[in-house]
Amino acid sequence: MSILTNFKAVASVSAVVFLGACAEMPPPANSVTNTYPQTSGARVLYGVVQSIDLIAQTGSPGGTIGLGTVAGAVVGGILGHQVGGGSGNTAATVLGAAGGAYAGHNLEKRNDPVTTSNAFRFTIRLNDGTYQAITQTSNADIRVGDRVLIDNGTVRRY
């Protein structure tokens, strides 16, 4: 294999790895957070609501690769292709695409509004005298003093 073929292969793999590093993991779909260890779902806890607090949850902007990343990669690749000749041209194209993708992703993140939503943090005194704090997005018409059950991390009246 020639040096040019090896360089193209290394440059292509490097560009894919670099672009993959720009991606962020999306937030988990389950918005319920617990302060107690998760059980297999067979254990149900009972208690009384002591307090309910309204809290704001913010989502991270730019969590996925979007149009800004793709457009940046295309524009960067085109501009990079205009530079040099031969193997230098290939390297400039790959580096231009990677740099454009990075710049496009950051611009997209900056212009993407942060999403906020309300959640409820329930402080519950369990029947055994211990306390649990559970945050969930729905109130389900629960009030302080209500008897509730905690089933798989979800608070419900009973």
C-alpha atoms as a PDB file:
ATOM      1  CA  MET A   1       0.000   0.000   0.000  1.00  0.00           C
ATOM      2  CA  SER A   2       1.227   3.460  -0.729  1.00  0.00           C
ATOM      3  CA  ILE A   3       1.716   6.196   1.809  1.00  0.00           C
ATOM      4  CA  LEU A   4      -1.172   8.146   0.272  1.00  0.00           C
ATOM      5  CA  THR A   5      -3.586   5.229   0.739  1.00  0.00           C
ATOM      6  CA  ASN A   6      -2.504   4.800   4.374  1.00  0.00           C
ATOM      7  CA  PHE A   7      -2.854   8.523   4.980  1.00  0.00           C
ATOM      8  CA  LYS A   8      -6.365   8.570   3.519  1.00  0.00           C
ATOM      9  CA  ALA A   9      -7.428   5.652   5.712  1.00  0.00           C
ATOM     10  CA  VAL A  10      -5.990   7.208   8.873  1.00  0.00           C
ATOM     11  CA  ALA A  11      -7.472  10.606   8.031  1.00  0.00           C
ATOM     12  CA  SER A  12     -10.918   9.102   7.376  1.00  0.00           C
ATOM     13  CA  VAL A  13     -10.928   7.142  10.628  1.00  0.00           C
ATOM     14  CA  SER A  14      -9.662  10.189  12.536  1.00  0.00           C
ATOM     15  CA  ALA A  15     -12.429  12.352  11.090  1.00  0.00           C
ATOM     16  CA  VAL A  16     -15.115   9.833  12.076  1.00  0.00           C
ATOM     17  CA  VAL A  17     -13.730   9.561  15.607  1.00  0.00           C
ATOM     18  CA  PHE A  18     -13.463  13.338  15.922  1.00  0.00           C
ATOM     19  CA  LEU A  19     -17.023  13.903  14.718  1.00  0.00           C
ATOM     20  CA  GLY A  20     -18.288  11.167  17.007  1.00  0.00           C
ATOM     21  CA  ALA A  21     -16.657  12.919  19.957  1.00  0.00           C
ATOM     22  CA  CYS A  22     -18.655  16.061  19.162  1.00  0.00           C
ATOM     23  CA  ALA A  23     -21.924  14.234  19.817  1.00  0.00           C
ATOM     24  CA  GLU A  24     -23.470  14.355  23.262  1.00  0.00           C
ATOM     25  CA  MET A  25     -25.612  11.678  24.819  1.00  0.00           C
ATOM     26  CA  PRO A  26     -29.291  12.631  24.979  1.00  0.00           C
ATOM     27  CA  PRO A  27     -30.828  12.950  28.421  1.00  0.00           C
ATOM     28  CA  PRO A  28     -32.600   9.842  29.717  1.00  0.00           C
ATOM     29  CA  ALA A  29     -36.249   9.536  28.779  1.00  0.00           C
ATOM     30  CA  ASN A  30     -37.237   8.739  32.381  1.00  0.00           C
ATOM     31  CA  SER A  31     -37.515  12.030  34.265  1.00  0.00           C
ATOM     32  CA  VAL A  32     -38.168  10.412  37.659  1.00  0.00           C
ATOM     33  CA  THR A  33     -35.225  10.581  40.042  1.00  0.00           C
ATOM     34  CA  ASN A  34     -35.022   8.726  43.322  1.00  0.00           C
ATOM     35  CA  THR A  35     -32.990   9.138  46.469  1.00  0.00           C
ATOM     36  CA  TYR A  36     -33.411   5.504  47.438  1.00  0.00           C
ATOM     37  CA  PRO A  37     -32.046   2.420  45.710  1.00  0.00           C
ATOM     38  CA  GLN A  38     -34.146   1.007  42.882  1.00  0.00           C
ATOM     39  CA  THR A  39     -35.875  -2.261  43.603  1.00  0.00           C
ATOM     40  CA  SER A  40     -37.105  -4.897  41.220  1.00  0.00           C
ATOM     41  CA  GLY A  41     -40.587  -3.363  41.386  1.00  0.00           C
ATOM     42  CA  ALA A  42     -41.902  -6.046  43.764  1.00  0.00           C
ATOM     43  CA  ARG A  43     -41.415  -3.825  46.825  1.00  0.00           C
ATOM     44  CA  VAL A  44     -43.993  -1.110  47.395  1.00  0.00           C
ATOM     45  CA  LEU A  45     -43.390   1.528  50.093  1.00  0.00           C
ATOM     46  CA  TYR A  46     -46.152   3.359  51.966  1.00  0.00           C
ATOM     47  CA  GLY A  47     -46.025   6.714  53.706  1.00  0.00           C
ATOM     48  CA  VAL A  48     -47.416  10.216  54.217  1.00  0.00           C
ATOM     49  CA  VAL A  49     -46.435  13.301  52.192  1.00  0.00           C
ATOM     50  CA  GLN A  50     -44.615  15.802  54.424  1.00  0.00           C
ATOM     51  CA  SER A  51     -43.827  18.476  51.814  1.00  0.00           C
ATOM     52  CA  ILE A  52     -44.071  19.199  48.101  1.00  0.00           C
ATOM     53  CA  ASP A  53     -41.638  21.550  46.383  1.00  0.00           C
ATOM     54  CA  LEU A  54     -41.913  22.861  42.834  1.00  0.00           C
ATOM     55  CA  ILE A  55     -38.521  22.750  41.128  1.00  0.00           C
ATOM     56  CA  ALA A  56     -37.391  23.768  37.644  1.00  0.00           C
ATOM     57  CA  GLN A  57     -35.550  21.191  35.556  1.00  0.00           C
ATOM     58  CA  THR A  58     -33.441  22.344  32.644  1.00  0.00           C
ATOM     59  CA  GLY A  59     -32.572  20.291  29.598  1.00  0.00           C
ATOM     60  CA  SER A  60     -29.223  20.627  27.867  1.00  0.00           C
ATOM     61  CA  PRO A  61     -29.295  22.313  24.471  1.00  0.00           C
ATOM     62  CA  GLY A  62     -27.632  20.718  21.478  1.00  0.00           C
ATOM     63  CA  GLY A  63     -27.744  17.176  22.778  1.00  0.00           C
ATOM     64  CA  THR A  64     -27.677  15.550  19.355  1.00  0.00           C
ATOM     65  CA  ILE A  65     -25.971  16.045  16.032  1.00  0.00           C
ATOM     66  CA  GLY A  66     -28.233  18.308  14.035  1.00  0.00           C
ATOM     67  CA  LEU A  67     -28.386  20.384  10.915  1.00  0.00           C
ATOM     68  CA  GLY A  68     -25.703  22.821  12.127  1.00  0.00           C
ATOM     69  CA  THR A  69     -23.162  20.006  12.485  1.00  0.00           C
ATOM     70  CA  VAL A  70     -23.935  18.550   9.067  1.00  0.00           C
ATOM     71  CA  ALA A  71     -23.958  21.938   7.327  1.00  0.00           C
ATOM     72  CA  GLY A  72     -20.682  22.894   9.020  1.00  0.00           C
ATOM     73  CA  ALA A  73     -19.060  19.654   7.880  1.00  0.00           C
ATOM     74  CA  VAL A  74     -20.186  20.166   4.281  1.00  0.00           C
ATOM     75  CA  VAL A  75     -19.065  23.803   4.134  1.00  0.00           C
ATOM     76  CA  GLY A  76     -15.772  23.009   5.873  1.00  0.00           C
ATOM     77  CA  GLY A  77     -15.114  20.117   3.501  1.00  0.00           C
ATOM     78  CA  ILE A  78     -15.783  22.278   0.449  1.00  0.00           C
ATOM     79  CA  LEU A  79     -13.530  25.061   1.716  1.00  0.00           C
ATOM     80  CA  GLY A  80     -10.816  22.598   2.701  1.00  0.00           C
ATOM     81  CA  HIS A  81     -10.925  20.998  -0.747  1.00  0.00           C
ATOM     82  CA  GLN A  82      -9.956  24.359  -2.283  1.00  0.00           C
ATOM     83  CA  VAL A  83      -6.577  24.237  -0.501  1.00  0.00           C
ATOM     84  CA  GLY A  84      -3.469  22.452  -1.782  1.00  0.00           C
ATOM     85  CA  GLY A  85      -3.143  19.596  -4.208  1.00  0.00           C
ATOM     86  CA  GLY A  86      -2.617  15.824  -4.065  1.00  0.00           C
ATOM     87  CA  SER A  87      -2.408  14.344  -0.581  1.00  0.00           C
ATOM     88  CA  GLY A  88      -2.418  17.834   0.943  1.00  0.00           C
ATOM     89  CA  ASN A  89      -5.774  18.432  -0.691  1.00  0.00           C
ATOM     90  CA  THR A  90      -7.229  15.277   0.894  1.00  0.00           C
ATOM     91  CA  ALA A  91      -5.899  16.234   4.305  1.00  0.00           C
ATOM     92  CA  ALA A  92      -7.241  19.769   3.974  1.00  0.00           C
ATOM     93  CA  THR A  93     -10.666  18.419   2.950  1.00  0.00           C
ATOM     94  CA  VAL A  94     -10.854  16.067   5.948  1.00  0.00           C
ATOM     95  CA  LEU A  95      -9.617  18.699   8.399  1.00  0.00           C
ATOM     96  CA  GLY A  96     -11.981  21.282   6.925  1.00  0.00           C
ATOM     97  CA  ALA A  97     -14.944  18.933   7.299  1.00  0.00           C
ATOM     98  CA  ALA A  98     -14.012  18.097  10.891  1.00  0.00           C
ATOM     99  CA  GLY A  99     -13.456  21.737  11.828  1.00  0.00           C
ATOM    100  CA  GLY A 100     -16.661  22.812  10.110  1.00  0.00           C
ATOM    101  CA  ALA A 101     -18.656  20.128  11.913  1.00  0.00           C
ATOM    102  CA  TYR A 102     -17.227  21.225  15.261  1.00  0.00           C
ATOM    103  CA  ALA A 103     -17.964  24.911  14.571  1.00  0.00           C
ATOM    104  CA  GLY A 104     -21.463  24.143  13.267  1.00  0.00           C
ATOM    105  CA  HIS A 105     -22.293  22.029  16.304  1.00  0.00           C
ATOM    106  CA  ASN A 106     -21.144  24.754  18.710  1.00  0.00           C
ATOM    107  CA  LEU A 107     -23.128  27.428  16.852  1.00  0.00           C
ATOM    108  CA  GLU A 108     -26.190  25.220  16.947  1.00  0.00           C
ATOM    109  CA  LYS A 109     -25.779  24.634  20.694  1.00  0.00           C
ATOM    110  CA  ARG A 110     -25.399  28.356  21.347  1.00  0.00           C
ATOM    111  CA  ASN A 111     -28.558  29.248  19.412  1.00  0.00           C
ATOM    112  CA  ASP A 112     -30.651  26.366  20.772  1.00  0.00           C
ATOM    113  CA  PRO A 113     -32.763  27.560  23.725  1.00  0.00           C
ATOM    114  CA  VAL A 114     -32.444  25.720  27.020  1.00  0.00           C
ATOM    115  CA  THR A 115     -35.650  23.879  27.779  1.00  0.00           C
ATOM    116  CA  THR A 116     -37.082  24.163  31.262  1.00  0.00           C
ATOM    117  CA  SER A 117     -39.912  22.205  32.789  1.00  0.00           C
ATOM    118  CA  ASN A 118     -41.429  22.022  36.233  1.00  0.00           C
ATOM    119  CA  ALA A 119     -41.181  18.993  38.463  1.00  0.00           C
ATOM    120  CA  PHE A 120     -42.394  18.150  41.949  1.00  0.00           C
ATOM    121  CA  ARG A 121     -40.134  16.985  44.771  1.00  0.00           C
ATOM    122  CA  PHE A 122     -42.101  14.989  47.332  1.00  0.00           C
ATOM    123  CA  THR A 123     -40.697  14.446  50.815  1.00  0.00           C
ATOM    124  CA  ILE A 124     -42.418  11.379  52.255  1.00  0.00           C
ATOM    125  CA  ARG A 125     -42.286   9.941  55.777  1.00  0.00           C
ATOM    126  CA  LEU A 126     -42.485   6.204  55.275  1.00  0.00           C
ATOM    127  CA  ASN A 127     -44.357   3.877  57.638  1.00  0.00           C
ATOM    128  CA  ASP A 128     -41.037   2.696  59.115  1.00  0.00           C
ATOM    129  CA  GLY A 129     -40.182   6.301  60.163  1.00  0.00           C
ATOM    130  CA  THR A 130     -37.576   6.993  57.459  1.00  0.00           C
ATOM    131  CA  TYR A 131     -37.850   9.722  54.852  1.00  0.00           C
ATOM    132  CA  GLN A 132     -37.629   9.535  51.062  1.00  0.00           C
ATOM    133  CA  ALA A 133     -37.422  12.413  48.593  1.00  0.00           C
ATOM    134  CA  ILE A 134     -38.773  11.653  45.121  1.00  0.00           C
ATOM    135  CA  THR A 135     -38.837  13.993  42.119  1.00  0.00           C
ATOM    136  CA  GLN A 136     -41.324  13.436  39.313  1.00  0.00           C
ATOM    137  CA  THR A 137     -42.894  15.539  36.584  1.00  0.00           C
ATOM    138  CA  SER A 138     -46.548  14.971  37.472  1.00  0.00           C
ATOM    139  CA  ASN A 139     -48.317  15.870  40.702  1.00  0.00           C
ATOM    140  CA  ALA A 140     -51.267  13.461  40.244  1.00  0.00           C
ATOM    141  CA  ASP A 141     -53.301  15.716  42.564  1.00  0.00           C
ATOM    142  CA  ILE A 142     -51.217  14.800  45.622  1.00  0.00           C
ATOM    143  CA  ARG A 143     -51.288  17.131  48.636  1.00  0.00           C
ATOM    144  CA  VAL A 144     -49.361  17.406  51.890  1.00  0.00           C
ATOM    145  CA  GLY A 145     -50.806  14.924  54.386  1.00  0.00           C
ATOM    146  CA  ASP A 146     -51.992  12.447  51.736  1.00  0.00           C
ATOM    147  CA  ARG A 147     -51.229   8.765  52.224  1.00  0.00           C
ATOM    148  CA  VAL A 148     -49.183   7.613  49.244  1.00  0.00           C
ATOM    149  CA  LEU A 149     -47.434   4.565  47.914  1.00  0.00           C
ATOM    150  CA  ILE A 150     -44.113   4.494  46.109  1.00  0.00           C
ATOM    151  CA  ASP A 151     -44.140   1.881  43.382  1.00  0.00           C
ATOM    152  CA  ASN A 152     -41.032   1.595  41.206  1.00  0.00           C
ATOM    153  CA  GLY A 153     -40.022   5.195  41.912  1.00  0.00           C
ATOM    154  CA  THR A 154     -43.455   6.716  41.230  1.00  0.00           C
ATOM    155  CA  VAL A 155     -45.555   8.388  43.940  1.00  0.00           C
ATOM    156  CA  ARG A 156     -49.317   7.706  43.856  1.00  0.00           C
ATOM    157  CA  ARG A 157     -52.202   8.295  46.249  1.00  0.00           C
ATOM    158  CA  TYR A 158     -54.021   5.281  47.599  1.00  0.00           C
END
